[in-house]
Amino acid sequence: MTAELIYGKELAATIREELKQEAAALKEQDILPHLTVVIVGDDPASKSYVKGKEKASAEIGISSDLKKIPTATT
């Protein structure tokens, strides 16, 4: 097996462009894609990850929202 070099940024851009087209096609059918993110607590790494998901959602043209839950939630 030969190793294949993968360029992550280029691959991510290609995938996001495909998702943008898929989201647009769904909207033409009155299907509105949406991402809801649930975050528990105030972990800085989690906040950063969620911020990236919100940015990616906007980039591909879908709505998103964030549900924050306290760490003490059982």
N, C-alpha and C. Protein backbone atom coordinates (compact mmCIF):
# COMPACT_ATOMS: atom_id res chain seq x y z
N MET A 1 0.85 -1.17 0.00
CA MET A 1 0.00 0.00 0.00
C MET A 1 0.89 1.24 0.00
N THR A 2 0.57 2.16 -0.87
CA THR A 2 1.32 3.41 -0.97
C THR A 2 0.62 4.50 -0.17
N ALA A 3 1.41 5.26 0.56
CA ALA A 3 0.85 6.36 1.34
C ALA A 3 0.37 7.47 0.41
N GLU A 4 -0.71 8.10 0.81
CA GLU A 4 -1.26 9.21 0.04
C GLU A 4 -1.33 10.44 0.94
N LEU A 5 -0.75 11.52 0.49
CA LEU A 5 -0.74 12.75 1.25
C LEU A 5 -2.09 13.45 1.08
N ILE A 6 -2.71 13.79 2.19
CA ILE A 6 -4.01 14.46 2.17
C ILE A 6 -3.82 15.88 2.68
N TYR A 7 -4.30 16.84 1.91
CA TYR A 7 -4.24 18.25 2.31
C TYR A 7 -5.58 18.61 2.94
N GLY A 8 -5.59 18.68 4.27
CA GLY A 8 -6.83 18.87 5.02
C GLY A 8 -7.61 20.12 4.68
N LYS A 9 -6.92 21.23 4.53
CA LYS A 9 -7.63 22.49 4.24
C LYS A 9 -8.31 22.42 2.88
N GLU A 10 -7.63 21.85 1.90
CA GLU A 10 -8.22 21.72 0.56
C GLU A 10 -9.41 20.76 0.58
N LEU A 11 -9.26 19.65 1.28
CA LEU A 11 -10.34 18.68 1.38
C LEU A 11 -11.54 19.30 2.09
N ALA A 12 -11.30 20.02 3.17
CA ALA A 12 -12.39 20.67 3.91
C ALA A 12 -13.11 21.68 3.03
N ALA A 13 -12.38 22.45 2.24
CA ALA A 13 -12.99 23.43 1.34
C ALA A 13 -13.87 22.74 0.30
N THR A 14 -13.40 21.61 -0.21
CA THR A 14 -14.18 20.86 -1.20
C THR A 14 -15.46 20.32 -0.58
N ILE A 15 -15.34 19.78 0.61
CA ILE A 15 -16.53 19.24 1.29
C ILE A 15 -17.51 20.35 1.61
N ARG A 16 -17.03 21.48 2.08
CA ARG A 16 -17.93 22.60 2.40
C ARG A 16 -18.64 23.11 1.15
N GLU A 17 -17.96 23.14 0.03
CA GLU A 17 -18.60 23.57 -1.22
C GLU A 17 -19.71 22.58 -1.61
N GLU A 18 -19.45 21.29 -1.46
CA GLU A 18 -20.47 20.29 -1.75
C GLU A 18 -21.68 20.45 -0.81
N LEU A 19 -21.40 20.68 0.46
CA LEU A 19 -22.48 20.87 1.43
C LEU A 19 -23.29 22.13 1.13
N LYS A 20 -22.61 23.17 0.69
CA LYS A 20 -23.30 24.41 0.32
C LYS A 20 -24.29 24.15 -0.81
N GLN A 21 -23.87 23.37 -1.80
CA GLN A 21 -24.74 23.04 -2.94
C GLN A 21 -25.91 22.16 -2.48
N GLU A 22 -25.63 21.20 -1.61
CA GLU A 22 -26.69 20.33 -1.10
C GLU A 22 -27.71 21.12 -0.27
N ALA A 23 -27.22 22.04 0.55
CA ALA A 23 -28.12 22.87 1.37
C ALA A 23 -29.00 23.73 0.47
N ALA A 24 -28.42 24.30 -0.57
CA ALA A 24 -29.19 25.12 -1.51
C ALA A 24 -30.27 24.28 -2.20
N ALA A 25 -29.91 23.07 -2.59
CA ALA A 25 -30.88 22.19 -3.26
C ALA A 25 -32.02 21.83 -2.31
N LEU A 26 -31.70 21.58 -1.06
CA LEU A 26 -32.75 21.28 -0.09
C LEU A 26 -33.67 22.48 0.13
N LYS A 27 -33.08 23.66 0.19
CA LYS A 27 -33.89 24.88 0.38
C LYS A 27 -34.86 25.08 -0.77
N GLU A 28 -34.46 24.70 -1.97
CA GLU A 28 -35.36 24.81 -3.13
C GLU A 28 -36.56 23.89 -2.97
N GLN A 29 -36.44 22.86 -2.16
CA GLN A 29 -37.52 21.92 -1.89
C GLN A 29 -38.25 22.27 -0.59
N ASP A 30 -38.00 23.46 -0.07
CA ASP A 30 -38.57 23.93 1.19
C ASP A 30 -38.15 23.08 2.39
N ILE A 31 -36.97 22.50 2.31
CA ILE A 31 -36.38 21.78 3.44
C ILE A 31 -35.25 22.66 3.95
N LEU A 32 -35.36 23.07 5.21
CA LEU A 32 -34.40 24.02 5.76
C LEU A 32 -33.43 23.31 6.72
N PRO A 33 -32.22 22.99 6.26
CA PRO A 33 -31.23 22.34 7.12
C PRO A 33 -30.89 23.23 8.31
N HIS A 34 -30.66 22.61 9.44
CA HIS A 34 -30.38 23.35 10.67
C HIS A 34 -29.48 22.52 11.57
N LEU A 35 -28.57 23.18 12.27
CA LEU A 35 -27.69 22.51 13.23
C LEU A 35 -27.97 23.08 14.61
N THR A 36 -28.28 22.22 15.55
CA THR A 36 -28.38 22.60 16.95
C THR A 36 -27.23 21.96 17.70
N VAL A 37 -26.48 22.77 18.42
CA VAL A 37 -25.35 22.28 19.20
C VAL A 37 -25.71 22.40 20.67
N VAL A 38 -25.48 21.33 21.41
CA VAL A 38 -25.70 21.33 22.86
C VAL A 38 -24.32 21.29 23.52
N ILE A 39 -24.07 22.27 24.38
CA ILE A 39 -22.79 22.33 25.09
C ILE A 39 -23.07 22.31 26.59
N VAL A 40 -22.32 21.46 27.28
CA VAL A 40 -22.48 21.33 28.73
C VAL A 40 -21.25 21.92 29.41
N GLY A 41 -21.46 22.91 30.25
CA GLY A 41 -20.36 23.53 30.98
C GLY A 41 -19.67 24.62 30.20
N ASP A 42 -18.50 25.03 30.69
CA ASP A 42 -17.78 26.17 30.13
C ASP A 42 -16.36 25.82 29.69
N ASP A 43 -16.15 24.62 29.18
CA ASP A 43 -14.81 24.22 28.75
C ASP A 43 -14.37 25.07 27.56
N PRO A 44 -13.24 25.77 27.66
CA PRO A 44 -12.77 26.64 26.58
C PRO A 44 -12.56 25.89 25.24
N ALA A 45 -12.07 24.67 25.30
CA ALA A 45 -11.87 23.91 24.06
C ALA A 45 -13.21 23.60 23.40
N SER A 46 -14.21 23.27 24.19
CA SER A 46 -15.54 23.00 23.65
C SER A 46 -16.13 24.25 23.02
N LYS A 47 -15.95 25.38 23.69
CA LYS A 47 -16.46 26.65 23.15
C LYS A 47 -15.82 26.95 21.81
N SER A 48 -14.54 26.72 21.70
CA SER A 48 -13.83 26.95 20.44
C SER A 48 -14.36 26.03 19.34
N TYR A 49 -14.56 24.77 19.67
CA TYR A 49 -15.10 23.79 18.71
C TYR A 49 -16.47 24.22 18.22
N VAL A 50 -17.32 24.62 19.17
CA VAL A 50 -18.68 25.04 18.83
C VAL A 50 -18.66 26.29 17.95
N LYS A 51 -17.78 27.22 18.26
CA LYS A 51 -17.66 28.43 17.45
C LYS A 51 -17.32 28.06 16.00
N GLY A 52 -16.45 27.07 15.83
CA GLY A 52 -16.10 26.60 14.49
C GLY A 52 -17.29 26.01 13.77
N LYS A 53 -18.14 25.27 14.49
CA LYS A 53 -19.34 24.68 13.89
C LYS A 53 -20.33 25.76 13.48
N GLU A 54 -20.45 26.80 14.30
CA GLU A 54 -21.34 27.91 13.96
C GLU A 54 -20.85 28.62 12.70
N LYS A 55 -19.55 28.83 12.62
CA LYS A 55 -18.96 29.49 11.45
C LYS A 55 -19.15 28.62 10.20
N ALA A 56 -18.92 27.33 10.33
CA ALA A 56 -19.08 26.42 9.19
C ALA A 56 -20.52 26.38 8.72
N SER A 57 -21.47 26.39 9.66
CA SER A 57 -22.89 26.39 9.30
C SER A 57 -23.24 27.63 8.48
N ALA A 58 -22.78 28.77 8.94
CA ALA A 58 -23.04 30.02 8.22
C ALA A 58 -22.40 29.99 6.84
N GLU A 59 -21.21 29.42 6.77
CA GLU A 59 -20.48 29.36 5.51
C GLU A 59 -21.20 28.52 4.45
N ILE A 60 -21.85 27.44 4.88
CA ILE A 60 -22.55 26.60 3.91
C ILE A 60 -24.01 27.00 3.74
N GLY A 61 -24.45 27.97 4.51
CA GLY A 61 -25.79 28.51 4.32
C GLY A 61 -26.89 27.82 5.08
N ILE A 62 -26.57 27.26 6.24
CA ILE A 62 -27.63 26.69 7.07
C ILE A 62 -27.68 27.42 8.40
N SER A 63 -28.84 27.38 9.02
CA SER A 63 -28.99 28.05 10.31
C SER A 63 -28.45 27.15 11.42
N SER A 64 -28.15 27.78 12.54
CA SER A 64 -27.68 27.01 13.69
C SER A 64 -28.06 27.74 14.96
N ASP A 65 -28.12 26.99 16.04
CA ASP A 65 -28.31 27.62 17.34
C ASP A 65 -27.56 26.82 18.39
N LEU A 66 -27.41 27.40 19.54
CA LEU A 66 -26.61 26.84 20.61
C LEU A 66 -27.45 26.72 21.86
N LYS A 67 -27.45 25.55 22.45
CA LYS A 67 -28.14 25.31 23.72
C LYS A 67 -27.06 25.08 24.78
N LYS A 68 -27.00 25.98 25.76
CA LYS A 68 -26.01 25.86 26.83
C LYS A 68 -26.66 25.24 28.05
N ILE A 69 -25.99 24.21 28.60
CA ILE A 69 -26.50 23.51 29.76
C ILE A 69 -25.44 23.60 30.87
N PRO A 70 -25.85 23.92 32.08
CA PRO A 70 -24.89 24.02 33.18
C PRO A 70 -24.21 22.68 33.47
N THR A 71 -22.99 22.72 33.94
CA THR A 71 -22.23 21.53 34.26
C THR A 71 -22.96 20.67 35.31
N ALA A 72 -23.65 21.30 36.22
CA ALA A 72 -24.33 20.60 37.32
C ALA A 72 -25.58 19.84 36.87
N THR A 73 -25.95 19.95 35.63
CA THR A 73 -27.16 19.28 35.14
C THR A 73 -27.00 17.77 35.27
N THR A 74 -28.05 17.10 35.78
CA THR A 74 -27.99 15.64 35.92
C THR A 74 -28.78 14.97 34.82
